[in-house]
Amino acid sequence: MNIHKHMEAIFVVTLATLGAGKFALDSLPEAKAKPSVPVARNVASGATMAVVIVRAPRLPRQP
């Protein structure tokens, strides 16, 4: 099968598929996220600064 002969048909089918997919995605309702657990806490006040301490084991040196 010579693909060069059918490039126009492939292009039209691709556009139709993408258009139908876009239409289907646009018809879905918008997602509304509600976190079940608070993501962040306000730990800093006007007089203090929030401090984050990150601890992790050191990797061994590669010779």
PDB file of N, CA and C in Angstrom:
ATOM      1  N   MET A   1       0.848  -1.173   0.000  1.00  0.00           N
ATOM      2  CA  MET A   1       0.000   0.000   0.000  1.00  0.00           C
ATOM      3  C   MET A   1       0.892   1.233   0.000  1.00  0.00           C
ATOM      4  N   ASN A   2       0.662   2.103  -0.923  1.00  0.00           N
ATOM      5  CA  ASN A   2       1.458   3.312  -1.041  1.00  0.00           C
ATOM      6  C   ASN A   2       0.878   4.375  -0.119  1.00  0.00           C
ATOM      7  N   ILE A   3       1.637   4.710   0.923  1.00  0.00           N
ATOM      8  CA  ILE A   3       1.119   5.648   1.925  1.00  0.00           C
ATOM      9  C   ILE A   3       1.000   7.064   1.354  1.00  0.00           C
ATOM     10  N   HIS A   4       1.809   7.405   0.367  1.00  0.00           N
ATOM     11  CA  HIS A   4       1.749   8.747  -0.207  1.00  0.00           C
ATOM     12  C   HIS A   4       0.423   9.001  -0.909  1.00  0.00           C
ATOM     13  N   LYS A   5      -0.190   7.981  -1.441  1.00  0.00           N
ATOM     14  CA  LYS A   5      -1.482   8.146  -2.103  1.00  0.00           C
ATOM     15  C   LYS A   5      -2.593   8.448  -1.113  1.00  0.00           C
ATOM     16  N   HIS A   6      -2.428   8.007   0.123  1.00  0.00           N
ATOM     17  CA  HIS A   6      -3.500   8.100   1.107  1.00  0.00           C
ATOM     18  C   HIS A   6      -3.223   9.148   2.196  1.00  0.00           C
ATOM     19  N   MET A   7      -2.255  10.023   1.993  1.00  0.00           N
ATOM     20  CA  MET A   7      -1.923  11.022   3.009  1.00  0.00           C
ATOM     21  C   MET A   7      -3.074  11.975   3.274  1.00  0.00           C
ATOM     22  N   GLU A   8      -3.812  12.364   2.261  1.00  0.00           N
ATOM     23  CA  GLU A   8      -4.937  13.272   2.460  1.00  0.00           C
ATOM     24  C   GLU A   8      -6.012  12.603   3.308  1.00  0.00           C
ATOM     25  N   ALA A   9      -6.306  11.355   3.036  1.00  0.00           N
ATOM     26  CA  ALA A   9      -7.304  10.631   3.823  1.00  0.00           C
ATOM     27  C   ALA A   9      -6.837  10.461   5.273  1.00  0.00           C
ATOM     28  N   ILE A  10      -5.560  10.158   5.454  1.00  0.00           N
ATOM     29  CA  ILE A  10      -5.017  10.018   6.807  1.00  0.00           C
ATOM     30  C   ILE A  10      -5.123  11.343   7.552  1.00  0.00           C
ATOM     31  N   PHE A  11      -4.821  12.446   6.871  1.00  0.00           N
ATOM     32  CA  PHE A  11      -4.902  13.771   7.479  1.00  0.00           C
ATOM     33  C   PHE A  11      -6.336  14.097   7.892  1.00  0.00           C
ATOM     34  N   VAL A  12      -7.296  13.824   7.028  1.00  0.00           N
ATOM     35  CA  VAL A  12      -8.697  14.131   7.320  1.00  0.00           C
ATOM     36  C   VAL A  12      -9.203  13.263   8.470  1.00  0.00           C
ATOM     37  N   VAL A  13      -8.849  11.990   8.476  1.00  0.00           N
ATOM     38  CA  VAL A  13      -9.277  11.098   9.563  1.00  0.00           C
ATOM     39  C   VAL A  13      -8.662  11.541  10.882  1.00  0.00           C
ATOM     40  N   THR A  14      -7.396  11.947  10.856  1.00  0.00           N
ATOM     41  CA  THR A  14      -6.737  12.428  12.075  1.00  0.00           C
ATOM     42  C   THR A  14      -7.422  13.674  12.604  1.00  0.00           C
ATOM     43  N   LEU A  15      -7.727  14.629  11.723  1.00  0.00           N
ATOM     44  CA  LEU A  15      -8.425  15.840  12.160  1.00  0.00           C
ATOM     45  C   LEU A  15      -9.800  15.518  12.721  1.00  0.00           C
ATOM     46  N   ALA A  16     -10.519  14.618  12.095  1.00  0.00           N
ATOM     47  CA  ALA A  16     -11.844  14.239  12.591  1.00  0.00           C
ATOM     48  C   ALA A  16     -11.754  13.575  13.963  1.00  0.00           C
ATOM     49  N   THR A  17     -10.747  12.719  14.147  1.00  0.00           N
ATOM     50  CA  THR A  17     -10.569  12.044  15.432  1.00  0.00           C
ATOM     51  C   THR A  17     -10.220  13.045  16.530  1.00  0.00           C
ATOM     52  N   LEU A  18      -9.310  13.961  16.230  1.00  0.00           N
ATOM     53  CA  LEU A  18      -8.937  14.974  17.215  1.00  0.00           C
ATOM     54  C   LEU A  18     -10.105  15.898  17.527  1.00  0.00           C
ATOM     55  N   GLY A  19     -10.874  16.262  16.523  1.00  0.00           N
ATOM     56  CA  GLY A  19     -12.043  17.109  16.754  1.00  0.00           C
ATOM     57  C   GLY A  19     -13.077  16.424  17.616  1.00  0.00           C
ATOM     58  N   ALA A  20     -13.327  15.141  17.364  1.00  0.00           N
ATOM     59  CA  ALA A  20     -14.288  14.401  18.184  1.00  0.00           C
ATOM     60  C   ALA A  20     -13.784  14.254  19.618  1.00  0.00           C
ATOM     61  N   GLY A  21     -12.493  14.024  19.786  1.00  0.00           N
ATOM     62  CA  GLY A  21     -11.922  13.925  21.126  1.00  0.00           C
ATOM     63  C   GLY A  21     -12.006  15.233  21.881  1.00  0.00           C
ATOM     64  N   LYS A  22     -11.739  16.329  21.197  1.00  0.00           N
ATOM     65  CA  LYS A  22     -11.838  17.648  21.828  1.00  0.00           C
ATOM     66  C   LYS A  22     -13.278  17.933  22.241  1.00  0.00           C
ATOM     67  N   PHE A  23     -14.214  17.587  21.379  1.00  0.00           N
ATOM     68  CA  PHE A  23     -15.627  17.790  21.690  1.00  0.00           C
ATOM     69  C   PHE A  23     -16.026  16.951  22.907  1.00  0.00           C
ATOM     70  N   ALA A  24     -15.545  15.709  22.976  1.00  0.00           N
ATOM     71  CA  ALA A  24     -15.871  14.833  24.099  1.00  0.00           C
ATOM     72  C   ALA A  24     -15.266  15.361  25.397  1.00  0.00           C
ATOM     73  N   LEU A  25     -14.032  15.853  25.339  1.00  0.00           N
ATOM     74  CA  LEU A  25     -13.401  16.381  26.550  1.00  0.00           C
ATOM     75  C   LEU A  25     -14.064  17.668  27.019  1.00  0.00           C
ATOM     76  N   ASP A  26     -14.508  18.497  26.094  1.00  0.00           N
ATOM     77  CA  ASP A  26     -15.157  19.744  26.477  1.00  0.00           C
ATOM     78  C   ASP A  26     -16.539  19.514  27.079  1.00  0.00           C
ATOM     79  N   SER A  27     -17.165  18.396  26.767  1.00  0.00           N
ATOM     80  CA  SER A  27     -18.499  18.139  27.291  1.00  0.00           C
ATOM     81  C   SER A  27     -18.467  17.539  28.695  1.00  0.00           C
ATOM     82  N   LEU A  28     -17.292  17.132  29.181  1.00  0.00           N
ATOM     83  CA  LEU A  28     -17.185  16.590  30.535  1.00  0.00           C
ATOM     84  C   LEU A  28     -17.315  17.714  31.561  1.00  0.00           C
ATOM     85  N   PRO A  29     -17.901  17.432  32.722  1.00  0.00           N
ATOM     86  CA  PRO A  29     -17.998  18.479  33.748  1.00  0.00           C
ATOM     87  C   PRO A  29     -16.624  18.781  34.338  1.00  0.00           C
ATOM     88  N   GLU A  30     -16.475  19.988  34.859  1.00  0.00           N
ATOM     89  CA  GLU A  30     -15.210  20.392  35.450  1.00  0.00           C
ATOM     90  C   GLU A  30     -14.995  19.670  36.767  1.00  0.00           C
ATOM     91  N   ALA A  31     -13.766  19.296  37.030  1.00  0.00           N
ATOM     92  CA  ALA A  31     -13.444  18.614  38.281  1.00  0.00           C
ATOM     93  C   ALA A  31     -13.352  19.630  39.408  1.00  0.00           C
ATOM     94  N   LYS A  32     -13.859  19.250  40.557  1.00  0.00           N
ATOM     95  CA  LYS A  32     -13.798  20.114  41.731  1.00  0.00           C
ATOM     96  C   LYS A  32     -13.076  19.337  42.817  1.00  0.00           C
ATOM     97  N   ALA A  33     -11.865  19.750  43.093  1.00  0.00           N
ATOM     98  CA  ALA A  33     -11.043  19.040  44.075  1.00  0.00           C
ATOM     99  C   ALA A  33     -11.328  19.570  45.469  1.00  0.00           C
ATOM    100  N   LYS A  34     -11.521  18.639  46.399  1.00  0.00           N
ATOM    101  CA  LYS A  34     -11.692  18.995  47.803  1.00  0.00           C
ATOM    102  C   LYS A  34     -10.684  18.183  48.597  1.00  0.00           C
ATOM    103  N   PRO A  35      -9.672  18.830  49.150  1.00  0.00           N
ATOM    104  CA  PRO A  35      -8.690  18.064  49.925  1.00  0.00           C
ATOM    105  C   PRO A  35      -9.317  17.548  51.215  1.00  0.00           C
ATOM    106  N   SER A  36      -9.082  16.291  51.526  1.00  0.00           N
ATOM    107  CA  SER A  36      -9.623  15.719  52.750  1.00  0.00           C
ATOM    108  C   SER A  36      -8.746  16.072  53.953  1.00  0.00           C
ATOM    109  N   VAL A  37      -7.479  16.352  53.700  1.00  0.00           N
ATOM    110  CA  VAL A  37      -6.534  16.721  54.752  1.00  0.00           C
ATOM    111  C   VAL A  37      -5.956  18.081  54.389  1.00  0.00           C
ATOM    112  N   PRO A  38      -5.831  18.991  55.343  1.00  0.00           N
ATOM    113  CA  PRO A  38      -5.220  20.278  54.996  1.00  0.00           C
ATOM    114  C   PRO A  38      -3.804  20.081  54.469  1.00  0.00           C
ATOM    115  N   VAL A  39      -3.488  20.760  53.393  1.00  0.00           N
ATOM    116  CA  VAL A  39      -2.207  20.575  52.734  1.00  0.00           C
ATOM    117  C   VAL A  39      -1.112  21.345  53.450  1.00  0.00           C
ATOM    118  N   ALA A  40      -1.401  22.537  53.880  1.00  0.00           N
ATOM    119  CA  ALA A  40      -0.378  23.360  54.521  1.00  0.00           C
ATOM    120  C   ALA A  40      -0.952  23.979  55.782  1.00  0.00           C
ATOM    121  N   ARG A  41      -0.067  24.240  56.715  1.00  0.00           N
ATOM    122  CA  ARG A  41      -0.477  24.935  57.929  1.00  0.00           C
ATOM    123  C   ARG A  41       0.244  26.271  57.978  1.00  0.00           C
ATOM    124  N   ASN A  42      -0.387  27.228  58.548  1.00  0.00           N
ATOM    125  CA  ASN A  42       0.239  28.530  58.715  1.00  0.00           C
ATOM    126  C   ASN A  42       1.049  28.481  60.002  1.00  0.00           C
ATOM    127  N   VAL A  43       2.331  28.123  59.891  1.00  0.00           N
ATOM    128  CA  VAL A  43       3.166  27.960  61.079  1.00  0.00           C
ATOM    129  C   VAL A  43       3.958  29.224  61.406  1.00  0.00           C
ATOM    130  N   ALA A  44       4.031  30.146  60.493  1.00  0.00           N
ATOM    131  CA  ALA A  44       4.773  31.380  60.743  1.00  0.00           C
ATOM    132  C   ALA A  44       3.798  32.473  61.138  1.00  0.00           C
ATOM    133  N   SER A  45       4.206  33.263  62.088  1.00  0.00           N
ATOM    134  CA  SER A  45       3.399  34.418  62.472  1.00  0.00           C
ATOM    135  C   SER A  45       4.187  35.672  62.123  1.00  0.00           C
ATOM    136  N   GLY A  46       3.673  36.799  62.515  1.00  0.00           N
ATOM    137  CA  GLY A  46       4.345  38.045  62.197  1.00  0.00           C
ATOM    138  C   GLY A  46       5.710  38.172  62.840  1.00  0.00           C
ATOM    139  N   ALA A  47       5.904  37.566  64.001  1.00  0.00           N
ATOM    140  CA  ALA A  47       7.163  37.713  64.727  1.00  0.00           C
ATOM    141  C   ALA A  47       8.117  36.555  64.496  1.00  0.00           C
ATOM    142  N   THR A  48       7.631  35.434  64.001  1.00  0.00           N
ATOM    143  CA  THR A  48       8.505  34.274  63.823  1.00  0.00           C
ATOM    144  C   THR A  48       8.543  33.867  62.358  1.00  0.00           C
ATOM    145  N   MET A  49       9.580  33.123  62.022  1.00  0.00           N
ATOM    146  CA  MET A  49       9.738  32.638  60.653  1.00  0.00           C
ATOM    147  C   MET A  49       9.599  31.121  60.656  1.00  0.00           C
ATOM    148  N   ALA A  50       8.977  30.586  59.644  1.00  0.00           N
ATOM    149  CA  ALA A  50       8.844  29.141  59.543  1.00  0.00           C
ATOM    150  C   ALA A  50      10.191  28.532  59.179  1.00  0.00           C
ATOM    151  N   VAL A  51      10.549  27.434  59.853  1.00  0.00           N
ATOM    152  CA  VAL A  51      11.811  26.761  59.614  1.00  0.00           C
ATOM    153  C   VAL A  51      11.507  25.328  59.202  1.00  0.00           C
ATOM    154  N   VAL A  52      12.142  24.895  58.133  1.00  0.00           N
ATOM    155  CA  VAL A  52      11.964  23.531  57.655  1.00  0.00           C
ATOM    156  C   VAL A  52      13.286  22.814  57.781  1.00  0.00           C
ATOM    157  N   ILE A  53      13.274  21.657  58.441  1.00  0.00           N
ATOM    158  CA  ILE A  53      14.480  20.850  58.602  1.00  0.00           C
ATOM    159  C   ILE A  53      14.278  19.574  57.807  1.00  0.00           C
ATOM    160  N   VAL A  54      15.199  19.317  56.878  1.00  0.00           N
ATOM    161  CA  VAL A  54      15.129  18.123  56.046  1.00  0.00           C
ATOM    162  C   VAL A  54      16.288  17.225  56.419  1.00  0.00           C
ATOM    163  N   ARG A  55      15.967  15.989  56.790  1.00  0.00           N
ATOM    164  CA  ARG A  55      17.006  15.044  57.170  1.00  0.00           C
ATOM    165  C   ARG A  55      16.931  13.848  56.242  1.00  0.00           C
ATOM    166  N   ALA A  56      18.097  13.423  55.788  1.00  0.00           N
ATOM    167  CA  ALA A  56      18.172  12.249  54.923  1.00  0.00           C
ATOM    168  C   ALA A  56      19.537  11.609  55.120  1.00  0.00           C
ATOM    169  N   PRO A  57      19.621  10.304  54.933  1.00  0.00           N
ATOM    170  CA  PRO A  57      20.933   9.660  55.079  1.00  0.00           C
ATOM    171  C   PRO A  57      21.852  10.090  53.941  1.00  0.00           C
ATOM    172  N   ARG A  58      23.117  10.229  54.276  1.00  0.00           N
ATOM    173  CA  ARG A  58      24.091  10.605  53.252  1.00  0.00           C
ATOM    174  C   ARG A  58      24.417   9.409  52.385  1.00  0.00           C
ATOM    175  N   LEU A  59      24.602   9.656  51.110  1.00  0.00           N
ATOM    176  CA  LEU A  59      24.995   8.604  50.194  1.00  0.00           C
ATOM    177  C   LEU A  59      26.482   8.355  50.307  1.00  0.00           C
ATOM    178  N   PRO A  60      26.904   7.097  50.173  1.00  0.00           N
ATOM    179  CA  PRO A  60      28.353   6.835  50.222  1.00  0.00           C
ATOM    180  C   PRO A  60      29.031   7.436  48.996  1.00  0.00           C
ATOM    181  N   ARG A  61      30.270   7.870  49.208  1.00  0.00           N
ATOM    182  CA  ARG A  61      31.024   8.458  48.093  1.00  0.00           C
ATOM    183  C   ARG A  61      31.417   7.388  47.095  1.00  0.00           C
ATOM    184  N   GLN A  62      31.353   7.766  45.837  1.00  0.00           N
ATOM    185  CA  GLN A  62      31.764   6.853  44.764  1.00  0.00           C
ATOM    186  C   GLN A  62      33.246   7.093  44.483  1.00  0.00           C
ATOM    187  N   PRO A  63      34.077   6.037  44.503  1.00  0.00           N
ATOM    188  CA  PRO A  63      35.530   6.245  44.251  1.00  0.00           C
ATOM    189  C   PRO A  63      35.808   6.506  42.798  1.00  0.00           C
TER     190      PRO A  63
END
